[in-house]
Amino acid sequence: MHGFRRTLFLSHLGLVVLAIGLLAFTLRGLATRYFAEQLRDRLITRAAAVRTRVAPHLNSEGWSGDFRAKEQRQLERDLRRSARADGIRVRIVNRDARSVFDTYAPRGSSLDTPSPELGWSFRDRPELVAALQGETNTWVRGSLRNGSTAMFLAMPIRRDGEILGSVYTTSPVLILTPQIVTYGRQLAGVTLAVFVLAAMISVALAQRLALPARRMEEAANRLAAGDLAARVAMHRRLLGRGDEMDKLMRAFNAMAMQLQETDATRRAFLADVSHELRTPLAAIKGSAETLRDGAWQNPDYAPRFSATIAEQSDRLIRLVNDLLRLARLENEPEVNFYQVFEMRDLQERAANAVRPLFAEREVRLDLECRAQTYCGNADLLEQLLINLLANAARHSAAGSTTILSAYRDGEFSVLRVADGGRGIAAEHLPRLGERFYRVEEGRDRDTGGSGLGLAICRRVALAHGGHLEIESEEGVGTTVTVYLED
């Protein structure tokens, strides 16, 4: 279970970290572009201020002749001071792309000299070419995410409509201004706080999601130890009722309940079998001991005790055979359900098997069958009819009539046994068909029944895709209807 919680925690935390990483990456890109735009505005502002100051003192060749040296040096000092304070390199370029002034280079150097940092001549720079043609232009060399990237801005210098040269400004894109430093710190702090919060939430969520699984594990261990009353406590779920874990817990409880019911049925079945076996075995043992003690020599007692042993042995054989037959039916054996036969023939065979019993009870047996065929297991269905007819004969009054009929009703073939017997009280009807259940305790023992006949009949009907219905009224009779799927 610890592994399950760890997997949940790492999965949640991994997704959160991935989301934070993507968000931070996106924000960094947006921030870079934002500060690049701010830098461009600063370069424009600086270039415009420089142009305003130097335009009156320039001609197409450079500084004008009437610009006194002292004033020129003061202007250059002011330009250097302000440019360096802003981290911006400022150049003044004449019409021939020669440097008139550079805040970071000696006066008089040529802009035609190839730049070691860029690899081509200043004269070929598109932003400078555009500025000397009268257009302010910006150019960024390299990637916006590369710390060595620089932004270049060239602004034309005009006087009286004539282009005298250009103010050429340069600054690193990612220069660490106070705003950028502050933003970076804030972003790092927020990212760390979100990560810590996500880790705490992931731990709590993993614990909460793993709780039902841990409860099911505990309940399963209790079941394995023999505690069939073990259940998973159904508390309020984190994701609400009806989610997959909730369904799993309900299914587990349903399985545990079924196991408990099955175990209770098994225990009741064993108790019933023990009870049913105890009576004939006790009778056989008592009779055998009596004979052993000398009764076998007494002509008055020996036949009676020998007959008791034979009768109780036959009863045991019938009981064991019924149990074996019921077990085979409940285990869904591989029997042949594809025998085609006439329902009339099936009725005749079953009726012939029980006619002696009907004659002994002085009960009339009538057959009603419309000509029809059926595809199923003839032996099982014959046993079903024999059980139903034997019950009808045992519990019918002398002189009454039992009717065995067969007909078709929609998608079912129907077998019906209607007797004129004593009938069954309504409170017993729901339990008819349970193993060893008797309407009156001891009544079936007197008539030879095992209490398994109707249970066998129900299983035979289910094996043929059908069901069994029982209707009865005390003093009128009982009707058993068997529906078989065609």
Protein backbone atom coordinates (compact mmCIF):
# COMPACT_ATOMS: atom_id res chain seq x y z
CA MET A 1 0.00 0.00 0.00
CA HIS A 2 2.94 2.30 0.62
CA GLY A 3 3.97 1.71 -2.98
CA PHE A 4 0.49 2.66 -4.16
CA ARG A 5 0.55 5.92 -2.19
CA ARG A 6 4.05 6.67 -3.41
CA THR A 7 2.99 6.10 -7.01
CA LEU A 8 -0.01 8.41 -6.59
CA PHE A 9 2.13 11.07 -4.91
CA LEU A 10 4.85 10.98 -7.55
CA SER A 11 2.29 10.98 -10.36
CA HIS A 12 0.45 14.01 -9.02
CA LEU A 13 3.63 15.85 -8.13
CA GLY A 14 5.17 15.05 -11.53
CA LEU A 15 2.16 16.49 -13.33
CA VAL A 16 2.24 19.61 -11.17
CA VAL A 17 5.99 20.08 -11.71
CA LEU A 18 5.52 19.64 -15.44
CA ALA A 19 2.73 22.23 -15.43
CA ILE A 20 4.81 24.65 -13.33
CA GLY A 21 7.78 24.15 -15.65
CA LEU A 22 5.72 24.84 -18.75
CA LEU A 23 4.16 27.88 -17.10
CA ALA A 24 7.54 29.21 -15.97
CA PHE A 25 9.00 28.63 -19.43
CA THR A 26 6.08 30.48 -21.02
CA LEU A 27 6.26 33.34 -18.54
CA ARG A 28 10.00 33.64 -19.07
CA GLY A 29 9.47 33.95 -22.82
CA LEU A 30 6.72 36.50 -22.36
CA ALA A 31 8.83 38.43 -19.85
CA THR A 32 11.79 38.41 -22.24
CA ARG A 33 9.68 39.84 -25.01
CA TYR A 34 8.16 42.36 -22.64
CA PHE A 35 11.56 43.60 -21.46
CA ALA A 36 12.82 43.58 -25.04
CA GLU A 37 9.99 45.94 -25.93
CA GLN A 38 10.88 48.08 -22.95
CA LEU A 39 14.52 48.09 -24.09
CA ARG A 40 13.49 49.19 -27.57
CA ASP A 41 11.54 52.07 -26.06
CA ARG A 42 14.58 53.03 -23.99
CA LEU A 43 16.79 52.92 -27.05
CA ILE A 44 14.35 55.09 -28.99
CA THR A 45 14.13 57.53 -26.09
CA ARG A 46 17.91 57.69 -25.73
CA ALA A 47 18.45 58.03 -29.51
CA ALA A 48 15.86 60.80 -29.76
CA ALA A 49 17.49 62.72 -26.88
CA VAL A 50 20.92 62.37 -28.47
CA ARG A 51 19.62 63.43 -31.89
CA THR A 52 18.07 66.54 -30.38
CA ARG A 53 21.37 67.57 -28.83
CA VAL A 54 23.74 66.76 -31.70
CA ALA A 55 21.63 67.69 -34.75
CA PRO A 56 22.47 71.45 -34.58
CA HIS A 57 26.20 70.70 -34.54
CA LEU A 58 26.47 68.14 -37.40
CA ASN A 59 26.92 68.26 -41.14
CA SER A 60 27.15 65.35 -43.63
CA GLU A 61 30.88 64.94 -42.82
CA GLY A 62 30.71 65.13 -39.02
CA TRP A 63 30.89 67.96 -36.51
CA SER A 64 30.33 71.34 -38.09
CA GLY A 65 33.21 73.76 -38.21
CA ASP A 66 31.56 76.36 -35.98
CA PHE A 67 31.17 73.81 -33.12
CA ARG A 68 33.77 74.93 -30.60
CA ALA A 69 36.07 72.27 -29.16
CA LYS A 70 35.22 73.05 -25.58
CA GLU A 71 31.48 72.68 -26.19
CA GLN A 72 32.11 69.49 -28.19
CA ARG A 73 34.08 67.92 -25.35
CA GLN A 74 31.39 68.87 -22.85
CA LEU A 75 28.68 67.36 -25.09
CA GLU A 76 30.66 64.15 -25.54
CA ARG A 77 31.19 63.89 -21.77
CA ASP A 78 27.48 64.34 -21.14
CA LEU A 79 26.61 61.72 -23.75
CA ARG A 80 29.08 59.20 -22.33
CA ARG A 81 27.87 59.74 -18.78
CA SER A 82 24.20 59.29 -19.56
CA ALA A 83 24.79 56.37 -21.95
CA ARG A 84 26.89 54.44 -19.51
CA ALA A 85 24.43 55.10 -16.71
CA ASP A 86 21.77 53.44 -18.85
CA GLY A 87 24.04 50.65 -20.08
CA ILE A 88 23.56 51.83 -23.68
CA ARG A 89 26.29 52.31 -26.26
CA VAL A 90 25.70 55.40 -28.40
CA ARG A 91 27.35 56.14 -31.73
CA ILE A 92 26.93 59.07 -34.05
CA VAL A 93 27.44 58.04 -37.68
CA ASN A 94 27.83 60.38 -40.68
CA ARG A 95 26.47 59.79 -44.19
CA ASP A 96 29.54 57.72 -45.10
CA ALA A 97 28.99 55.29 -42.18
CA ARG A 98 31.99 56.64 -40.35
CA SER A 99 31.95 57.09 -36.62
CA VAL A 100 31.76 60.73 -35.56
CA PHE A 101 31.36 59.82 -31.89
CA ASP A 102 31.25 56.57 -29.90
CA THR A 103 30.68 56.35 -26.14
CA TYR A 104 32.84 53.18 -26.00
CA ALA A 105 35.46 53.78 -28.72
CA PRO A 106 38.12 56.39 -29.50
CA ARG A 107 37.03 59.21 -31.73
CA GLY A 108 37.76 58.81 -35.47
CA SER A 109 37.49 54.96 -35.73
CA SER A 110 35.89 53.72 -38.92
CA LEU A 111 32.58 51.85 -38.97
CA ASP A 112 33.75 50.07 -42.10
CA THR A 113 36.02 47.92 -39.96
CA PRO A 114 34.54 44.42 -39.61
CA SER A 115 33.08 43.84 -36.15
CA PRO A 116 34.68 40.89 -34.38
CA GLU A 117 31.47 40.32 -32.36
CA LEU A 118 29.16 40.22 -35.37
CA GLY A 119 31.35 39.11 -38.23
CA TRP A 120 30.42 41.64 -40.89
CA SER A 121 30.98 45.30 -41.78
CA PHE A 122 28.93 48.03 -40.08
CA ARG A 123 28.11 49.36 -43.52
CA ASP A 124 26.11 46.21 -44.25
CA ARG A 125 23.92 46.38 -41.19
CA PRO A 126 20.31 46.64 -42.34
CA GLU A 127 19.19 48.88 -39.49
CA LEU A 128 21.94 51.42 -40.28
CA VAL A 129 21.24 51.26 -44.01
CA ALA A 130 17.55 51.93 -43.28
CA ALA A 131 18.37 54.86 -40.97
CA LEU A 132 20.65 56.53 -43.57
CA GLN A 133 17.68 56.26 -45.93
CA GLY A 134 15.45 58.10 -43.44
CA GLU A 135 13.80 55.28 -41.45
CA THR A 136 14.22 54.39 -37.78
CA ASN A 137 14.94 50.67 -37.62
CA THR A 138 15.61 48.05 -34.92
CA TRP A 139 17.49 44.79 -35.25
CA VAL A 140 18.08 41.98 -32.78
CA ARG A 141 20.92 39.63 -33.40
CA GLY A 142 20.76 36.12 -31.95
CA SER A 143 18.02 34.53 -29.88
CA LEU A 144 15.91 36.42 -27.38
CA ARG A 145 16.71 33.61 -24.91
CA ASN A 146 20.48 33.94 -25.33
CA GLY A 147 22.17 36.13 -22.70
CA SER A 148 24.63 37.58 -25.25
CA THR A 149 21.90 38.88 -27.53
CA ALA A 150 22.06 42.61 -28.36
CA MET A 151 19.51 45.03 -29.74
CA PHE A 152 20.60 47.65 -32.31
CA LEU A 153 18.56 50.74 -33.11
CA ALA A 154 19.45 53.33 -35.77
CA MET A 155 17.59 56.66 -35.98
CA PRO A 156 18.20 59.16 -38.80
CA ILE A 157 19.46 62.67 -38.00
CA ARG A 158 17.79 65.33 -40.15
CA ARG A 159 18.17 69.05 -40.45
CA ASP A 160 16.23 71.14 -42.93
CA GLY A 161 15.00 67.93 -44.60
CA GLU A 162 18.52 66.64 -45.23
CA ILE A 163 19.77 63.37 -43.67
CA LEU A 164 23.09 64.13 -42.03
CA GLY A 165 23.70 60.72 -40.45
CA SER A 166 22.31 58.44 -37.75
CA VAL A 167 22.22 57.93 -34.00
CA TYR A 168 23.19 54.27 -33.57
CA THR A 169 22.40 52.75 -30.14
CA THR A 170 23.20 49.26 -28.81
CA SER A 171 22.31 47.41 -25.59
CA PRO A 172 22.22 43.75 -24.42
CA VAL A 173 18.66 42.45 -24.52
CA LEU A 174 18.90 40.72 -21.16
CA ILE A 175 20.64 43.45 -19.28
CA LEU A 176 19.98 42.99 -15.58
CA THR A 177 17.97 46.07 -14.82
CA PRO A 178 16.39 46.39 -11.36
CA GLN A 179 12.99 45.56 -12.88
CA ILE A 180 14.27 42.32 -14.41
CA VAL A 181 16.02 41.29 -11.19
CA THR A 182 12.88 41.99 -9.16
CA TYR A 183 10.71 40.08 -11.62
CA GLY A 184 13.09 37.10 -11.62
CA ARG A 185 13.09 36.93 -7.84
CA GLN A 186 9.32 37.14 -7.69
CA LEU A 187 8.92 34.43 -10.32
CA ALA A 188 11.37 32.15 -8.49
CA GLY A 189 9.59 32.75 -5.18
CA VAL A 190 6.15 32.06 -6.62
CA THR A 191 7.43 28.94 -8.38
CA LEU A 192 8.96 27.60 -5.15
CA ALA A 193 5.81 28.36 -3.16
CA VAL A 194 3.61 26.66 -5.75
CA PHE A 195 5.92 23.63 -5.76
CA VAL A 196 5.81 23.29 -1.96
CA LEU A 197 2.02 23.74 -1.92
CA ALA A 198 1.66 21.19 -4.74
CA ALA A 199 3.81 18.70 -2.83
CA MET A 200 1.64 19.11 0.29
CA ILE A 201 -1.57 18.73 -1.71
CA SER A 202 -0.15 15.69 -3.53
CA VAL A 203 0.68 14.00 -0.23
CA ALA A 204 -2.81 14.67 1.16
CA LEU A 205 -4.48 13.61 -2.08
CA ALA A 206 -2.43 10.40 -2.30
CA GLN A 207 -3.34 9.57 1.30
CA ARG A 208 -7.02 10.22 0.62
CA LEU A 209 -7.13 8.26 -2.63
CA ALA A 210 -5.20 5.34 -1.12
CA LEU A 211 -7.49 5.14 1.92
CA PRO A 212 -10.23 3.05 0.20
CA ALA A 213 -7.61 0.71 -1.23
CA ARG A 214 -6.07 0.29 2.23
CA ARG A 215 -9.49 -0.45 3.69
CA MET A 216 -10.15 -3.03 0.98
CA GLU A 217 -6.77 -4.61 1.69
CA GLU A 218 -7.63 -4.87 5.38
CA ALA A 219 -11.07 -6.31 4.60
CA ALA A 220 -9.55 -8.81 2.14
CA ASN A 221 -7.06 -9.95 4.78
CA ARG A 222 -9.92 -10.45 7.23
CA LEU A 223 -11.83 -12.46 4.63
CA ALA A 224 -8.77 -14.59 3.96
CA ALA A 225 -8.49 -15.20 7.72
CA GLY A 226 -12.07 -16.50 7.80
CA ASP A 227 -13.98 -13.40 8.93
CA LEU A 228 -16.79 -13.45 6.37
CA ALA A 229 -18.47 -10.47 8.05
CA ALA A 230 -15.63 -8.18 6.91
CA ARG A 231 -16.83 -5.16 4.93
CA VAL A 232 -15.27 -1.97 3.56
CA ALA A 233 -16.53 1.11 5.40
CA MET A 234 -18.33 3.37 2.92
CA HIS A 235 -17.41 6.91 4.00
CA ARG A 236 -17.78 10.07 1.93
CA ARG A 237 -15.48 9.81 -1.06
CA LEU A 238 -13.11 12.54 -2.21
CA LEU A 239 -14.43 12.35 -5.78
CA GLY A 240 -18.05 11.77 -4.77
CA ARG A 241 -20.36 8.79 -4.96
CA GLY A 242 -20.32 6.76 -8.13
CA ASP A 243 -16.63 7.06 -9.03
CA GLU A 244 -14.56 3.99 -9.91
CA MET A 245 -13.21 3.48 -6.38
CA ASP A 246 -16.69 3.77 -4.93
CA LYS A 247 -17.96 1.14 -7.38
CA LEU A 248 -15.02 -1.10 -6.52
CA MET A 249 -15.77 -0.88 -2.79
CA ARG A 250 -19.44 -1.65 -3.39
CA ALA A 251 -18.50 -4.62 -5.58
CA PHE A 252 -16.12 -5.86 -2.86
CA ASN A 253 -18.86 -5.62 -0.22
CA ALA A 254 -21.30 -7.40 -2.53
CA MET A 255 -18.74 -10.18 -3.07
CA ALA A 256 -18.15 -10.47 0.68
CA MET A 257 -21.88 -10.63 1.31
CA GLN A 258 -22.25 -13.33 -1.35
CA LEU A 259 -19.44 -15.32 0.25
CA GLN A 260 -21.13 -15.00 3.62
CA GLU A 261 -24.47 -16.12 2.19
CA THR A 262 -22.81 -19.00 0.37
CA ASP A 263 -21.09 -20.08 3.57
CA ALA A 264 -24.37 -19.85 5.49
CA THR A 265 -26.08 -21.92 2.77
CA ARG A 266 -23.26 -24.47 2.90
CA ARG A 267 -23.51 -24.73 6.68
CA ALA A 268 -27.29 -25.08 6.51
CA PHE A 269 -26.94 -27.69 3.78
CA LEU A 270 -24.47 -29.70 5.83
CA ALA A 271 -26.75 -29.46 8.85
CA ASP A 272 -29.74 -30.59 6.78
CA VAL A 273 -27.82 -33.49 5.25
CA SER A 274 -26.58 -34.55 8.68
CA HIS A 275 -30.12 -34.39 10.02
CA GLU A 276 -31.53 -36.37 7.09
CA LEU A 277 -28.84 -39.02 7.36
CA ARG A 278 -29.06 -39.31 11.12
CA THR A 279 -32.65 -40.68 11.17
CA PRO A 280 -32.23 -43.65 8.78
CA LEU A 281 -28.77 -44.44 10.12
CA ALA A 282 -30.13 -44.48 13.67
CA ALA A 283 -32.92 -46.79 12.60
CA ILE A 284 -30.52 -49.12 10.81
CA LYS A 285 -28.11 -49.14 13.76
CA GLY A 286 -30.87 -49.81 16.28
CA SER A 287 -32.34 -52.62 14.21
CA ALA A 288 -28.95 -54.19 13.58
CA GLU A 289 -28.03 -54.06 17.30
CA THR A 290 -31.36 -55.61 18.20
CA LEU A 291 -30.79 -58.44 15.75
CA ARG A 292 -27.22 -58.88 17.00
CA ASP A 293 -28.45 -59.18 20.56
CA GLY A 294 -30.52 -62.24 19.59
CA ALA A 295 -33.66 -60.95 17.92
CA TRP A 296 -32.60 -62.65 14.68
CA GLN A 297 -33.55 -65.95 16.32
CA ASN A 298 -37.05 -64.74 17.15
CA PRO A 299 -39.42 -65.33 14.22
CA ASP A 300 -41.69 -62.50 15.43
CA TYR A 301 -38.97 -59.78 15.53
CA ALA A 302 -36.40 -60.78 12.94
CA PRO A 303 -38.53 -60.04 9.81
CA ARG A 304 -39.67 -56.68 11.19
CA PHE A 305 -36.16 -55.42 12.03
CA SER A 306 -34.77 -56.78 8.77
CA ALA A 307 -37.49 -54.92 6.86
CA THR A 308 -36.61 -51.71 8.76
CA ILE A 309 -32.98 -52.06 7.74
CA ALA A 310 -33.95 -52.62 4.09
CA GLU A 311 -36.40 -49.69 4.02
CA GLN A 312 -33.98 -47.26 5.66
CA SER A 313 -31.18 -48.41 3.35
CA ASP A 314 -33.41 -47.70 0.34
CA ARG A 315 -34.15 -44.29 1.80
CA LEU A 316 -30.46 -43.58 2.18
CA ILE A 317 -29.83 -44.64 -1.39
CA ARG A 318 -32.60 -42.34 -2.66
CA LEU A 319 -31.26 -39.47 -0.58
CA VAL A 320 -27.69 -39.93 -1.82
CA ASN A 321 -28.87 -40.27 -5.42
CA ASP A 322 -30.92 -37.06 -5.12
CA LEU A 323 -27.96 -35.22 -3.62
CA LEU A 324 -25.66 -36.38 -6.40
CA ARG A 325 -28.20 -35.43 -9.05
CA LEU A 326 -28.71 -31.97 -7.52
CA ALA A 327 -24.93 -31.43 -7.25
CA ARG A 328 -24.45 -32.31 -10.91
CA LEU A 329 -27.21 -29.91 -11.94
CA GLU A 330 -25.87 -27.04 -9.79
CA ASN A 331 -22.38 -27.53 -11.19
CA GLU A 332 -23.82 -27.17 -14.71
CA PRO A 333 -22.54 -30.47 -16.11
CA GLU A 334 -21.93 -31.01 -19.80
CA VAL A 335 -25.17 -32.80 -20.66
CA ASN A 336 -26.82 -33.10 -24.04
CA PHE A 337 -29.48 -30.41 -24.41
CA TYR A 338 -29.92 -31.04 -28.14
CA GLN A 339 -32.12 -34.17 -28.07
CA VAL A 340 -35.24 -33.76 -30.20
CA PHE A 341 -38.24 -35.72 -28.90
CA GLU A 342 -42.04 -35.69 -28.77
CA MET A 343 -43.59 -34.25 -25.64
CA ARG A 344 -46.27 -36.97 -25.76
CA ASP A 345 -43.61 -39.69 -25.54
CA LEU A 346 -41.98 -37.89 -22.59
CA GLN A 347 -45.32 -37.74 -20.77
CA GLU A 348 -46.02 -41.40 -21.38
CA ARG A 349 -42.66 -42.55 -20.02
CA ALA A 350 -42.99 -40.44 -16.87
CA ALA A 351 -46.61 -41.51 -16.33
CA ASN A 352 -45.76 -45.21 -16.72
CA ALA A 353 -43.05 -44.86 -14.07
CA VAL A 354 -45.50 -43.57 -11.43
CA ARG A 355 -48.75 -45.38 -12.37
CA PRO A 356 -48.25 -48.01 -9.62
CA LEU A 357 -48.06 -45.22 -7.04
CA PHE A 358 -51.23 -43.60 -8.40
CA ALA A 359 -52.98 -46.99 -8.35
CA GLU A 360 -51.89 -47.55 -4.77
CA ARG A 361 -53.27 -44.13 -3.76
CA GLU A 362 -56.43 -44.61 -5.85
CA VAL A 363 -55.73 -41.37 -7.73
CA ARG A 364 -56.59 -40.97 -11.41
CA LEU A 365 -53.89 -39.68 -13.82
CA ASP A 366 -54.92 -37.98 -17.10
CA LEU A 367 -52.57 -36.81 -19.87
CA GLU A 368 -53.26 -33.81 -22.11
CA CYS A 369 -50.75 -32.98 -24.85
CA ARG A 370 -50.91 -31.23 -28.16
CA ALA A 371 -48.64 -32.77 -30.77
CA GLN A 372 -45.32 -30.96 -30.46
CA THR A 373 -41.60 -31.60 -30.39
CA TYR A 374 -38.95 -30.17 -28.07
CA CYS A 375 -35.17 -29.95 -28.11
CA GLY A 376 -33.59 -30.55 -24.68
CA ASN A 377 -32.42 -33.28 -22.34
CA ALA A 378 -35.14 -35.95 -22.27
CA ASP A 379 -33.73 -37.81 -19.24
CA LEU A 380 -33.65 -34.72 -17.02
CA LEU A 381 -37.14 -33.67 -18.05
CA GLU A 382 -38.45 -37.19 -17.45
CA GLN A 383 -36.98 -37.09 -13.94
CA LEU A 384 -38.63 -33.68 -13.42
CA LEU A 385 -42.06 -35.06 -14.37
CA ILE A 386 -41.60 -38.18 -12.24
CA ASN A 387 -40.78 -36.00 -9.19
CA LEU A 388 -43.80 -33.74 -9.75
CA LEU A 389 -46.19 -36.65 -10.41
CA ALA A 390 -44.90 -38.58 -7.38
CA ASN A 391 -45.51 -35.54 -5.16
CA ALA A 392 -49.01 -35.15 -6.62
CA ALA A 393 -49.81 -38.83 -5.96
CA ARG A 394 -48.54 -38.76 -2.38
CA HIS A 395 -50.52 -35.67 -1.41
CA SER A 396 -53.75 -36.23 -3.35
CA ALA A 397 -56.92 -37.59 -1.82
CA ALA A 398 -58.24 -40.94 -2.96
CA GLY A 399 -60.67 -40.59 -5.85
CA SER A 400 -59.16 -37.25 -7.02
CA THR A 401 -57.64 -36.61 -10.45
CA THR A 402 -54.16 -35.37 -11.41
CA ILE A 403 -53.74 -33.84 -14.87
CA LEU A 404 -50.40 -33.76 -16.71
CA SER A 405 -50.56 -31.37 -19.66
CA ALA A 406 -48.08 -30.04 -22.20
CA TYR A 407 -48.55 -27.07 -24.54
CA ARG A 408 -46.79 -24.08 -26.06
CA ASP A 409 -47.08 -20.56 -24.62
CA GLY A 410 -45.30 -17.94 -26.72
CA GLU A 411 -41.57 -18.60 -26.62
CA PHE A 412 -41.90 -21.32 -23.95
CA SER A 413 -42.91 -24.97 -23.97
CA VAL A 414 -44.98 -25.62 -20.85
CA LEU A 415 -45.39 -28.72 -18.66
CA ARG A 416 -48.10 -28.56 -16.02
CA VAL A 417 -49.09 -30.93 -13.19
CA ALA A 418 -52.39 -30.09 -11.47
CA ASP A 419 -53.62 -32.29 -8.59
CA GLY A 420 -56.69 -32.33 -6.38
CA GLY A 421 -54.80 -32.82 -3.14
CA ARG A 422 -54.70 -31.11 0.24
CA GLY A 423 -53.04 -27.97 -1.03
CA ILE A 424 -50.33 -25.87 0.61
CA ALA A 425 -50.69 -22.82 2.85
CA ALA A 426 -49.63 -19.53 1.27
CA GLU A 427 -46.84 -18.89 3.78
CA HIS A 428 -45.00 -22.02 2.60
CA LEU A 429 -45.07 -21.26 -1.14
CA PRO A 430 -42.03 -18.91 -1.26
CA ARG A 431 -39.78 -21.58 0.31
CA LEU A 432 -40.86 -24.52 -1.81
CA GLY A 433 -37.85 -25.70 -3.81
CA GLU A 434 -35.32 -25.13 -1.02
CA ARG A 435 -33.24 -28.16 -0.13
CA PHE A 436 -34.87 -30.39 2.52
CA TYR A 437 -37.72 -27.95 3.08
CA ARG A 438 -40.96 -29.67 4.08
CA VAL A 439 -44.34 -28.07 4.55
CA GLU A 440 -45.00 -30.37 7.51
CA GLU A 441 -42.03 -31.80 9.36
CA GLY A 442 -42.06 -35.58 9.10
CA ARG A 443 -44.83 -35.76 6.46
CA ASP A 444 -42.50 -36.54 3.59
CA ARG A 445 -40.52 -39.04 5.64
CA ASP A 446 -43.65 -41.12 6.05
CA THR A 447 -44.24 -41.08 2.28
CA GLY A 448 -40.60 -41.63 1.35
CA GLY A 449 -39.66 -38.11 0.16
CA SER A 450 -36.18 -36.64 0.69
CA GLY A 451 -37.12 -32.97 0.54
CA LEU A 452 -34.99 -32.52 -2.60
CA GLY A 453 -37.51 -33.26 -5.34
CA LEU A 454 -38.65 -29.70 -6.02
CA ALA A 455 -35.07 -28.40 -5.73
CA ILE A 456 -34.08 -30.83 -8.48
CA CYS A 457 -37.06 -29.76 -10.59
CA ARG A 458 -36.08 -26.08 -10.29
CA ARG A 459 -32.51 -26.81 -11.37
CA VAL A 460 -33.73 -28.82 -14.38
CA ALA A 461 -35.97 -25.94 -15.45
CA LEU A 462 -33.12 -23.43 -15.05
CA ALA A 463 -30.81 -25.69 -17.07
CA HIS A 464 -33.33 -25.45 -19.93
CA GLY A 465 -33.48 -21.65 -19.74
CA GLY A 466 -36.83 -21.65 -17.95
CA HIS A 467 -38.37 -21.49 -14.50
CA LEU A 468 -40.91 -23.16 -12.22
CA GLU A 469 -44.07 -21.66 -10.72
CA ILE A 470 -46.23 -23.15 -7.93
CA GLU A 471 -49.85 -22.22 -7.20
CA SER A 472 -51.77 -23.85 -4.39
CA GLU A 473 -54.89 -23.46 -2.29
CA GLU A 474 -55.62 -25.46 0.82
CA GLY A 475 -58.40 -27.98 0.30
CA VAL A 476 -58.42 -27.42 -3.47
CA GLY A 477 -55.07 -28.65 -4.80
CA THR A 478 -51.70 -27.64 -6.17
CA THR A 479 -50.59 -26.71 -9.70
CA VAL A 480 -46.93 -26.79 -10.70
CA THR A 481 -46.10 -25.14 -14.04
CA VAL A 482 -42.69 -25.60 -15.69
CA TYR A 483 -41.66 -23.12 -18.43
CA LEU A 484 -38.96 -24.38 -20.81
CA GLU A 485 -37.25 -22.06 -23.29
CA ASP A 486 -37.68 -23.20 -26.91
